[in-house]
PDB file of N, CA and C in Angstrom:
ATOM      1  N   MET A   1     124.801  99.807  91.502  1.00  0.00           N
ATOM      2  CA  MET A   1     125.498  98.559  92.040  1.00  0.00           C
ATOM      3  C   MET A   1     125.543  97.979  90.610  1.00  0.00           C
ATOM      4  N   THR A   2     126.578  96.760  90.810  1.00  0.00           N
ATOM      5  CA  THR A   2     126.412  95.179  89.574  1.00  0.00           C
ATOM      6  C   THR A   2     126.530  94.135  90.230  1.00  0.00           C
ATOM      7  N   ALA A   3     125.862  93.445  89.238  1.00  0.00           N
ATOM      8  CA  ALA A   3     125.911  91.918  89.108  1.00  0.00           C
ATOM      9  C   ALA A   3     126.085  91.156  88.407  1.00  0.00           C
ATOM     10  N   GLU A   4     126.926  89.856  88.394  1.00  0.00           N
ATOM     11  CA  GLU A   4     127.160  89.456  87.518  1.00  0.00           C
ATOM     12  C   GLU A   4     125.711  88.060  86.615  1.00  0.00           C
ATOM     13  N   LEU A   5     125.106  88.812  85.696  1.00  0.00           N
ATOM     14  CA  LEU A   5     123.586  88.347  84.953  1.00  0.00           C
ATOM     15  C   LEU A   5     124.135  87.500  83.841  1.00  0.00           C
ATOM     16  N   HIS A   6     122.826  86.753  83.240  1.00  0.00           N
ATOM     17  CA  HIS A   6     122.994  85.962  81.801  1.00  0.00           C
ATOM     18  C   HIS A   6     122.472  86.831  81.058  1.00  0.00           C
ATOM     19  N   CYS A   7     122.859  87.435  80.183  1.00  0.00           N
ATOM     20  CA  CYS A   7     122.706  88.069  79.224  1.00  0.00           C
ATOM     21  C   CYS A   7     121.990  87.372  78.019  1.00  0.00           C
ATOM     22  N   ALA A   8     120.836  87.816  77.764  1.00  0.00           N
ATOM     23  CA  ALA A   8     119.758  86.982  76.950  1.00  0.00           C
ATOM     24  C   ALA A   8     119.918  87.828  75.602  1.00  0.00           C
ATOM     25  N   HIS A   9     121.073  88.854  75.534  1.00  0.00           N
ATOM     26  CA  HIS A   9     121.454  89.617  73.745  1.00  0.00           C
ATOM     27  C   HIS A   9     122.769  89.276  73.706  1.00  0.00           C
ATOM     28  N   CYS A  10     123.459  89.368  74.906  1.00  0.00           N
ATOM     29  CA  CYS A  10     125.488  88.449  74.448  1.00  0.00           C
ATOM     30  C   CYS A  10     125.082  87.040  74.538  1.00  0.00           C
ATOM     31  N   ASP A  11     123.888  86.530  74.967  1.00  0.00           N
ATOM     32  CA  ASP A  11     123.391  84.799  75.912  1.00  0.00           C
ATOM     33  C   ASP A  11     125.131  84.193  76.296  1.00  0.00           C
ATOM     34  N   GLN A  12     125.799  85.387  77.354  1.00  0.00           N
ATOM     35  CA  GLN A  12     126.702  85.005  77.825  1.00  0.00           C
ATOM     36  C   GLN A  12     126.886  85.910  79.639  1.00  0.00           C
ATOM     37  N   GLU A  13     127.476  85.162  80.354  1.00  0.00           N
ATOM     38  CA  GLU A  13     127.488  85.890  81.745  1.00  0.00           C
ATOM     39  C   GLU A  13     128.518  87.136  82.031  1.00  0.00           C
ATOM     40  N   THR A  14     127.233  88.555  81.896  1.00  0.00           N
ATOM     41  CA  THR A  14     128.257  89.291  81.809  1.00  0.00           C
ATOM     42  C   THR A  14     127.989  90.788  83.174  1.00  0.00           C
ATOM     43  N   LEU A  15     128.159  91.355  83.386  1.00  0.00           N
ATOM     44  CA  LEU A  15     128.419  92.310  84.696  1.00  0.00           C
ATOM     45  C   LEU A  15     127.125  93.042  84.041  1.00  0.00           C
ATOM     46  N   HIS A  16     125.874  93.304  85.044  1.00  0.00           N
ATOM     47  CA  HIS A  16     125.272  94.448  84.405  1.00  0.00           C
ATOM     48  C   HIS A  16     125.284  95.282  85.603  1.00  0.00           C
ATOM     49  N   THR A  17     124.630  96.413  85.254  1.00  0.00           N
ATOM     50  CA  THR A  17     124.348  97.698  86.216  1.00  0.00           C
ATOM     51  C   THR A  17     122.352  97.364  86.634  1.00  0.00           C
ATOM     52  N   LEU A  18     122.698  97.481  87.766  1.00  0.00           N
ATOM     53  CA  LEU A  18     120.904  97.477  88.420  1.00  0.00           C
ATOM     54  C   LEU A  18     121.118  99.046  88.750  1.00  0.00           C
ATOM     55  N   VAL A  19     119.400  99.262  88.817  1.00  0.00           N
ATOM     56  CA  VAL A  19     118.842 100.510  89.015  1.00  0.00           C
ATOM     57  C   VAL A  19     118.524 100.307  89.774  1.00  0.00           C
ATOM     58  N   TYR A  20     117.953 100.552  91.207  1.00  0.00           N
ATOM     59  CA  TYR A  20     117.051 100.752  92.053  1.00  0.00           C
ATOM     60  C   TYR A  20     116.147 101.705  92.206  1.00  0.00           C
ATOM     61  N   ALA A  21     114.982 101.840  92.756  1.00  0.00           N
ATOM     62  CA  ALA A  21     114.134 102.877  93.904  1.00  0.00           C
ATOM     63  C   ALA A  21     113.977 102.400  94.566  1.00  0.00           C
ATOM     64  N   GLY A  22     114.176 102.287  95.943  1.00  0.00           N
ATOM     65  CA  GLY A  22     113.959 102.195  96.919  1.00  0.00           C
ATOM     66  C   GLY A  22     114.053 100.560  97.122  1.00  0.00           C
ATOM     67  N   ARG A  23     113.299  99.662  97.463  1.00  0.00           N
ATOM     68  CA  ARG A  23     113.726  98.643  97.060  1.00  0.00           C
ATOM     69  C   ARG A  23     113.144  97.649  95.890  1.00  0.00           C
ATOM     70  N   LEU A  24     113.312  98.394  94.810  1.00  0.00           N
ATOM     71  CA  LEU A  24     112.468  97.810  93.676  1.00  0.00           C
ATOM     72  C   LEU A  24     113.783  97.904  93.052  1.00  0.00           C
ATOM     73  N   LEU A  25     113.455  96.722  91.703  1.00  0.00           N
ATOM     74  CA  LEU A  25     114.705  97.381  90.657  1.00  0.00           C
ATOM     75  C   LEU A  25     114.262  97.735  89.706  1.00  0.00           C
ATOM     76  N   VAL A  26     114.628  99.053  88.946  1.00  0.00           N
ATOM     77  CA  VAL A  26     113.948  99.381  88.112  1.00  0.00           C
ATOM     78  C   VAL A  26     114.649  99.116  86.494  1.00  0.00           C
ATOM     79  N   SER A  27     115.637  98.675  86.663  1.00  0.00           N
ATOM     80  CA  SER A  27     116.195  98.433  85.527  1.00  0.00           C
ATOM     81  C   SER A  27     117.771  97.526  85.468  1.00  0.00           C
ATOM     82  N   THR A  28     117.773  96.800  84.631  1.00  0.00           N
ATOM     83  CA  THR A  28     119.526  96.352  84.631  1.00  0.00           C
ATOM     84  C   THR A  28     119.999  96.308  82.912  1.00  0.00           C
ATOM     85  N   THR A  29     121.427  96.651  82.982  1.00  0.00           N
ATOM     86  CA  THR A  29     121.662  97.013  82.010  1.00  0.00           C
ATOM     87  C   THR A  29     123.329  96.374  81.984  1.00  0.00           C
ATOM     88  N   CYS A  30     123.363  95.540  80.552  1.00  0.00           N
ATOM     89  CA  CYS A  30     124.931  94.527  80.319  1.00  0.00           C
ATOM     90  C   CYS A  30     125.368  95.655  80.129  1.00  0.00           C
ATOM     91  N   GLN A  31     126.955  95.753  80.571  1.00  0.00           N
ATOM     92  CA  GLN A  31     127.928  96.240  81.063  1.00  0.00           C
ATOM     93  C   GLN A  31     128.358  95.925  79.198  1.00  0.00           C
ATOM     94  N   THR A  32     128.440  94.590  78.705  1.00  0.00           N
ATOM     95  CA  THR A  32     129.176  94.510  77.224  1.00  0.00           C
ATOM     96  C   THR A  32     128.350  94.813  76.556  1.00  0.00           C
ATOM     97  N   CYS A  33     127.306  94.959  75.877  1.00  0.00           N
ATOM     98  CA  CYS A  33     126.792  95.153  74.762  1.00  0.00           C
ATOM     99  C   CYS A  33     125.487  96.428  75.324  1.00  0.00           C
ATOM    100  N   GLN A  34     124.994  96.687  76.501  1.00  0.00           N
ATOM    101  CA  GLN A  34     124.755  98.159  76.897  1.00  0.00           C
ATOM    102  C   GLN A  34     123.120  97.878  76.930  1.00  0.00           C
ATOM    103  N   THR A  35     122.909  96.291  76.809  1.00  0.00           N
ATOM    104  CA  THR A  35     121.249  96.340  76.516  1.00  0.00           C
ATOM    105  C   THR A  35     120.568  96.853  77.787  1.00  0.00           C
ATOM    106  N   GLN A  36     119.271  97.272  77.612  1.00  0.00           N
ATOM    107  CA  GLN A  36     118.970  97.382  79.034  1.00  0.00           C
ATOM    108  C   GLN A  36     117.219  96.948  79.246  1.00  0.00           C
ATOM    109  N   VAL A  37     117.282  96.408  80.321  1.00  0.00           N
ATOM    110  CA  VAL A  37     115.798  95.851  80.677  1.00  0.00           C
ATOM    111  C   VAL A  37     115.372  97.066  81.299  1.00  0.00           C
ATOM    112  N   LYS A  38     113.982  97.695  81.146  1.00  0.00           N
ATOM    113  CA  LYS A  38     113.398  98.044  82.478  1.00  0.00           C
ATOM    114  C   LYS A  38     111.632  97.829  82.276  1.00  0.00           C
ATOM    115  N   HIS A  39     111.332  97.429  83.569  1.00  0.00           N
ATOM    116  CA  HIS A  39     109.914  97.422  84.091  1.00  0.00           C
ATOM    117  C   HIS A  39     108.781  98.561  83.411  1.00  0.00           C
ATOM    118  N   GLU A  40     107.532  97.853  83.028  1.00  0.00           N
ATOM    119  CA  GLU A  40     106.440  98.931  82.676  1.00  0.00           C
ATOM    120  C   GLU A  40     106.651  99.802  83.907  1.00  0.00           C
ATOM    121  N   PRO A  41     106.534 101.251  82.962  1.00  0.00           N
ATOM    122  CA  PRO A  41     106.794 102.412  84.031  1.00  0.00           C
ATOM    123  C   PRO A  41     105.465 102.058  85.132  1.00  0.00           C
ATOM    124  N   GLY A  42     104.118 102.157  84.829  1.00  0.00           N
ATOM    125  CA  GLY A  42     103.289 102.137  85.162  1.00  0.00           C
ATOM    126  C   GLY A  42     102.702 101.052  86.847  1.00  0.00           C
ATOM    127  N   ASP A  43     103.056  99.573  86.199  1.00  0.00           N
ATOM    128  CA  ASP A  43     103.060  98.461  86.570  1.00  0.00           C
ATOM    129  C   ASP A  43     104.785  99.082  88.469  1.00  0.00           C
ATOM    130  N   LEU A  44     105.374  99.732  87.540  1.00  0.00           N
ATOM    131  CA  LEU A  44     106.608 100.333  88.505  1.00  0.00           C
ATOM    132  C   LEU A  44     106.154 101.382  90.178  1.00  0.00           C
ATOM    133  N   ARG A  45     105.771 102.254  88.849  1.00  0.00           N
ATOM    134  CA  ARG A  45     105.240 103.362  89.993  1.00  0.00           C
ATOM    135  C   ARG A  45     104.111 102.444  90.813  1.00  0.00           C
ATOM    136  N   ILE A  46     103.122 101.683  90.543  1.00  0.00           N
ATOM    137  CA  ILE A  46     102.244 100.855  91.950  1.00  0.00           C
ATOM    138  C   ILE A  46     102.558  99.946  92.511  1.00  0.00           C
ATOM    139  N   GLN A  47     104.132  99.489  92.345  1.00  0.00           N
ATOM    140  CA  GLN A  47     104.829  98.613  93.405  1.00  0.00           C
ATOM    141  C   GLN A  47     106.182  99.755  94.194  1.00  0.00           C
ATOM    142  N   TYR A  48     105.815 100.697  93.364  1.00  0.00           N
ATOM    143  CA  TYR A  48     106.984 101.463  94.290  1.00  0.00           C
ATOM    144  C   TYR A  48     105.952 102.204  95.300  1.00  0.00           C
ATOM    145  N   VAL A  49     104.621 102.685  94.919  1.00  0.00           N
ATOM    146  CA  VAL A  49     103.562 103.187  95.670  1.00  0.00           C
ATOM    147  C   VAL A  49     103.240 102.421  96.850  1.00  0.00           C
ATOM    148  N   LYS A  50     103.368 100.998  97.196  1.00  0.00           N
ATOM    149  CA  LYS A  50     102.871 100.208  97.701  1.00  0.00           C
ATOM    150  C   LYS A  50     104.278  99.884  98.743  1.00  0.00           C
ATOM    151  N   ASP A  51     105.203  99.894  98.082  1.00  0.00           N
ATOM    152  CA  ASP A  51     106.770  99.660  99.075  1.00  0.00           C
ATOM    153  C   ASP A  51     106.965 100.925  99.901  1.00  0.00           C
ATOM    154  N   LEU A  52     106.594 102.333  98.986  1.00  0.00           N
ATOM    155  CA  LEU A  52     107.049 103.188 100.345  1.00  0.00           C
ATOM    156  C   LEU A  52     105.936 102.909 101.570  1.00  0.00           C
ATOM    157  N   GLU A  53     104.858 103.168 100.959  1.00  0.00           N
ATOM    158  CA  GLU A  53     103.924 102.967 101.947  1.00  0.00           C
ATOM    159  C   GLU A  53     104.346 101.944 103.268  1.00  0.00           C
ATOM    160  N   ASN A  54     104.585 100.712 102.383  1.00  0.00           N
ATOM    161  CA  ASN A  54     104.823  99.635 103.868  1.00  0.00           C
ATOM    162  C   ASN A  54     106.293 100.161 104.531  1.00  0.00           C
ATOM    163  N   ARG A  55     107.373 101.048 103.825  1.00  0.00           N
ATOM    164  CA  ARG A  55     108.850 101.280 104.425  1.00  0.00           C
ATOM    165  C   ARG A  55     108.445 102.493 105.281  1.00  0.00           C
ATOM    166  N   ILE A  56     107.128 103.609 105.386  1.00  0.00           N
ATOM    167  CA  ILE A  56     106.215 104.591 106.239  1.00  0.00           C
ATOM    168  C   ILE A  56     106.133 103.517 107.533  1.00  0.00           C
ATOM    169  N   LEU A  57     105.097 102.791 107.420  1.00  0.00           N
ATOM    170  CA  LEU A  57     104.633 102.064 107.980  1.00  0.00           C
ATOM    171  C   LEU A  57     105.347 101.349 108.869  1.00  0.00           C
ATOM    172  N   THR A  58     106.428 100.782 108.704  1.00  0.00           N
ATOM    173  CA  THR A  58     107.289 100.005 109.364  1.00  0.00           C
ATOM    174  C   THR A  58     108.705 100.881 109.480  1.00  0.00           C
ATOM    175  N   LYS A  59     108.661 102.098 109.580  1.00  0.00           N
ATOM    176  CA  LYS A  59     109.937 102.996 109.909  1.00  0.00           C
ATOM    177  C   LYS A  59     109.713 102.976 111.762  1.00  0.00           C
ATOM    178  N   PRO A  60     108.711 102.928 112.042  1.00  0.00           N
ATOM    179  CA  PRO A  60     109.030 103.576 113.415  1.00  0.00           C
ATOM    180  C   PRO A  60     109.353 102.084 114.243  1.00  0.00           C
ATOM    181  N   GLY A  61     109.044 100.882 114.266  1.00  0.00           N
ATOM    182  CA  GLY A  61     109.652  99.700 113.837  1.00  0.00           C
ATOM    183  C   GLY A  61     110.779  99.766 114.223  1.00  0.00           C
ATOM    184  N   ARG A  62     111.032  99.540 113.231  1.00  0.00           N
ATOM    185  CA  ARG A  62     113.029  99.570 112.721  1.00  0.00           C
ATOM    186  C   ARG A  62     113.503 100.429 113.470  1.00  0.00           C
ATOM    187  N   LEU A  63     112.948 101.898 113.675  1.00  0.00           N
ATOM    188  CA  LEU A  63     114.023 102.560 114.374  1.00  0.00           C
ATOM    189  C   LEU A  63     114.346 102.418 115.648  1.00  0.00           C
ATOM    190  N   TRP A  64     112.788 101.909 116.305  1.00  0.00           N
ATOM    191  CA  TRP A  64     112.921 101.609 117.636  1.00  0.00           C
ATOM    192  C   TRP A  64     113.867 100.366 117.775  1.00  0.00           C
ATOM    193  N   LYS A  65     113.527  99.095 116.730  1.00  0.00           N
ATOM    194  CA  LYS A  65     114.962  97.768 116.779  1.00  0.00           C
ATOM    195  C   LYS A  65     116.320  98.621 117.065  1.00  0.00           C
ATOM    196  N   ARG A  66     116.511  99.206 116.104  1.00  0.00           N
ATOM    197  CA  ARG A  66     117.906  99.698 115.803  1.00  0.00           C
ATOM    198  C   ARG A  66     118.316 100.607 117.066  1.00  0.00           C
ATOM    199  N   PHE A  67     117.549 101.981 117.651  1.00  0.00           N
ATOM    200  CA  PHE A  67     117.953 102.452 118.901  1.00  0.00           C
ATOM    201  C   PHE A  67     117.697 101.123 120.043  1.00  0.00           C
ATOM    202  N   TRP A  68     117.517 100.336 120.330  1.00  0.00           N
ATOM    203  CA  TRP A  68     117.667  99.348 121.729  1.00  0.00           C
ATOM    204  C   TRP A  68     119.268  98.386 121.075  1.00  0.00           C
ATOM    205  N   ARG A  69     119.490  98.284 119.836  1.00  0.00           N
ATOM    206  CA  ARG A  69     120.389  98.010 119.588  1.00  0.00           C
ATOM    207  C   ARG A  69     121.773  98.383 120.116  1.00  0.00           C
ATOM    208  N   SER A  70     121.079  99.848 119.437  1.00  0.00           N
ATOM    209  CA  SER A  70     123.062 100.607 119.747  1.00  0.00           C
ATOM    210  C   SER A  70     122.394 102.192 119.555  1.00  0.00           C
ATOM    211  N   PRO A  71     121.943 102.559 120.851  1.00  0.00           N
ATOM    212  CA  PRO A  71     121.274 103.682 121.223  1.00  0.00           C
ATOM    213  C   PRO A  71     121.979 105.009 120.910  1.00  0.00           C
ATOM    214  N   VAL A  72     123.392 104.633 121.039  1.00  0.00           N
ATOM    215  CA  VAL A  72     124.412 106.284 121.029  1.00  0.00           C
ATOM    216  C   VAL A  72     124.324 106.456 119.274  1.00  0.00           C
ATOM    217  N   ALA A  73     124.199 105.379 118.700  1.00  0.00           N
ATOM    218  CA  ALA A  73     124.766 105.437 117.099  1.00  0.00           C
ATOM    219  C   ALA A  73     122.935 106.047 116.729  1.00  0.00           C
ATOM    220  N   VAL A  74     122.064 105.508 116.687  1.00  0.00           N
ATOM    221  CA  VAL A  74     120.964 106.145 116.629  1.00  0.00           C
ATOM    222  C   VAL A  74     120.884 107.555 116.994  1.00  0.00           C
ATOM    223  N   PHE A  75     121.433 108.180 118.484  1.00  0.00           N
ATOM    224  CA  PHE A  75     121.071 109.506 118.902  1.00  0.00           C
ATOM    225  C   PHE A  75     121.838 110.501 117.518  1.00  0.00           C
ATOM    226  N   TRP A  76     123.527 109.876 117.442  1.00  0.00           N
ATOM    227  CA  TRP A  76     123.889 110.448 116.479  1.00  0.00           C
ATOM    228  C   TRP A  76     123.714 110.673 115.205  1.00  0.00           C
ATOM    229  N   SER A  77     122.828 109.318 114.680  1.00  0.00           N
ATOM    230  CA  SER A  77     123.242 109.423 113.446  1.00  0.00           C
ATOM    231  C   SER A  77     121.852 110.339 112.942  1.00  0.00           C
ATOM    232  N   PHE A  78     120.631 110.151 113.836  1.00  0.00           N
ATOM    233  CA  PHE A  78     119.507 110.347 113.385  1.00  0.00           C
ATOM    234  C   PHE A  78     119.217 111.661 113.104  1.00  0.00           C
ATOM    235  N   PRO A  79     119.465 112.594 113.191  1.00  0.00           N
ATOM    236  CA  PRO A  79     119.340 113.948 112.718  1.00  0.00           C
ATOM    237  C   PRO A  79     120.021 114.370 111.548  1.00  0.00           C
ATOM    238  N   LYS A  80     120.741 113.648 111.055  1.00  0.00           N
ATOM    239  CA  LYS A  80     121.710 113.556 109.421  1.00  0.00           C
ATOM    240  C   LYS A  80     120.641 112.884 108.600  1.00  0.00           C
ATOM    241  N   LYS A  81     120.135 111.492 109.002  1.00  0.00           N
ATOM    242  CA  LYS A  81     119.024 111.025 108.580  1.00  0.00           C
ATOM    243  C   LYS A  81     117.825 110.592 108.159  1.00  0.00           C
ATOM    244  N   THR A  82     117.236 112.475 109.410  1.00  0.00           N
ATOM    245  CA  THR A  82     116.360 112.914 109.208  1.00  0.00           C
ATOM    246  C   THR A  82     116.054 114.218 108.007  1.00  0.00           C
ATOM    247  N   ILE A  83     117.509 114.562 107.847  1.00  0.00           N
ATOM    248  CA  ILE A  83     117.401 115.614 106.603  1.00  0.00           C
ATOM    249  C   ILE A  83     117.612 115.227 105.779  1.00  0.00           C
ATOM    250  N   GLU A  84     118.442 114.163 105.163  1.00  0.00           N
ATOM    251  CA  GLU A  84     118.610 112.786 103.812  1.00  0.00           C
ATOM    252  C   GLU A  84     117.570 112.520 103.847  1.00  0.00           C
ATOM    253  N   GLN A  85     116.934 112.084 104.341  1.00  0.00           N
ATOM    254  CA  GLN A  85     115.575 111.251 104.108  1.00  0.00           C
ATOM    255  C   GLN A  85     114.582 111.720 102.558  1.00  0.00           C
ATOM    256  N   PRO A  86     114.434 113.212 102.959  1.00  0.00           N
ATOM    257  CA  PRO A  86     113.409 113.860 101.801  1.00  0.00           C
ATOM    258  C   PRO A  86     114.307 113.858 100.232  1.00  0.00           C
ATOM    259  N   ARG A  87     115.713 113.949 100.487  1.00  0.00           N
ATOM    260  CA  ARG A  87     116.085 113.887  99.177  1.00  0.00           C
ATOM    261  C   ARG A  87     116.237 112.246  98.588  1.00  0.00           C
ATOM    262  N   LYS A  88     116.939 111.493  99.425  1.00  0.00           N
ATOM    263  CA  LYS A  88     116.700 110.260  98.641  1.00  0.00           C
ATOM    264  C   LYS A  88     115.380 109.665  97.992  1.00  0.00           C
ATOM    265  N   ILE A  89     114.328 109.917  98.722  1.00  0.00           N
ATOM    266  CA  ILE A  89     112.713 109.816  98.595  1.00  0.00           C
ATOM    267  C   ILE A  89     113.141 110.523  96.795  1.00  0.00           C
ATOM    268  N   TRP A  90     113.092 111.528  96.967  1.00  0.00           N
ATOM    269  CA  TRP A  90     112.934 112.748  95.571  1.00  0.00           C
ATOM    270  C   TRP A  90     113.605 111.522  94.786  1.00  0.00           C
ATOM    271  N   ASP A  91     114.841 111.266  94.833  1.00  0.00           N
ATOM    272  CA  ASP A  91     115.633 110.843  93.878  1.00  0.00           C
ATOM    273  C   ASP A  91     115.271 109.085  93.435  1.00  0.00           C
ATOM    274  N   GLU A  92     114.279 108.583  94.450  1.00  0.00           N
ATOM    275  CA  GLU A  92     114.088 107.148  93.762  1.00  0.00           C
ATOM    276  C   GLU A  92     113.018 107.419  93.182  1.00  0.00           C
ATOM    277  N   ILE A  93     112.409 108.520  93.366  1.00  0.00           N
ATOM    278  CA  ILE A  93     111.111 109.224  92.535  1.00  0.00           C
ATOM    279  C   ILE A  93     111.759 109.182  91.195  1.00  0.00           C
ATOM    280  N   LYS A  94     112.492 110.275  90.933  1.00  0.00           N
ATOM    281  CA  LYS A  94     113.232 110.740  89.682  1.00  0.00           C
ATOM    282  C   LYS A  94     113.187 109.371  88.852  1.00  0.00           C
ATOM    283  N   GLU A  95     114.132 108.063  89.382  1.00  0.00           N
ATOM    284  CA  GLU A  95     114.522 107.208  88.887  1.00  0.00           C
ATOM    285  C   GLU A  95     113.458 106.674  88.108  1.00  0.00           C
ATOM    286  N   LEU A  96     111.788 106.250  88.830  1.00  0.00           N
ATOM    287  CA  LEU A  96     111.251 106.048  88.317  1.00  0.00           C
ATOM    288  C   LEU A  96     110.626 106.732  87.311  1.00  0.00           C
ATOM    289  N   PHE A  97     110.971 107.755  86.595  1.00  0.00           N
ATOM    290  CA  PHE A  97     110.281 108.731  85.768  1.00  0.00           C
ATOM    291  C   PHE A  97     111.088 108.993  84.674  1.00  0.00           C
ATOM    292  N   LYS A  98     113.075 108.295  84.914  1.00  0.00           N
ATOM    293  CA  LYS A  98     113.516 108.471  83.979  1.00  0.00           C
ATOM    294  C   LYS A  98     112.849 107.669  82.180  1.00  0.00           C
TER     295      LYS A  98
END
């Protein structure tokens, strides 16, 4: 994902590449000067575990809401999403240990 942010190194508004693990921002990289800002790995891992726990606990409710909004779409997408979810979480975890 990209966003226009103020770069402290360039001292101007530039495009930055944003890297997320789940809903947590892992790092930002200025596309002009390549300066990267990362969170402390230990703090990020603790926050990620808390966020993952929250996502797991709230998933049944979120799925139920989606089902009532569009049962046919949930019915057809559920098998694919169920298969893809472990890979998605694995990719998030790998991002934390880069």
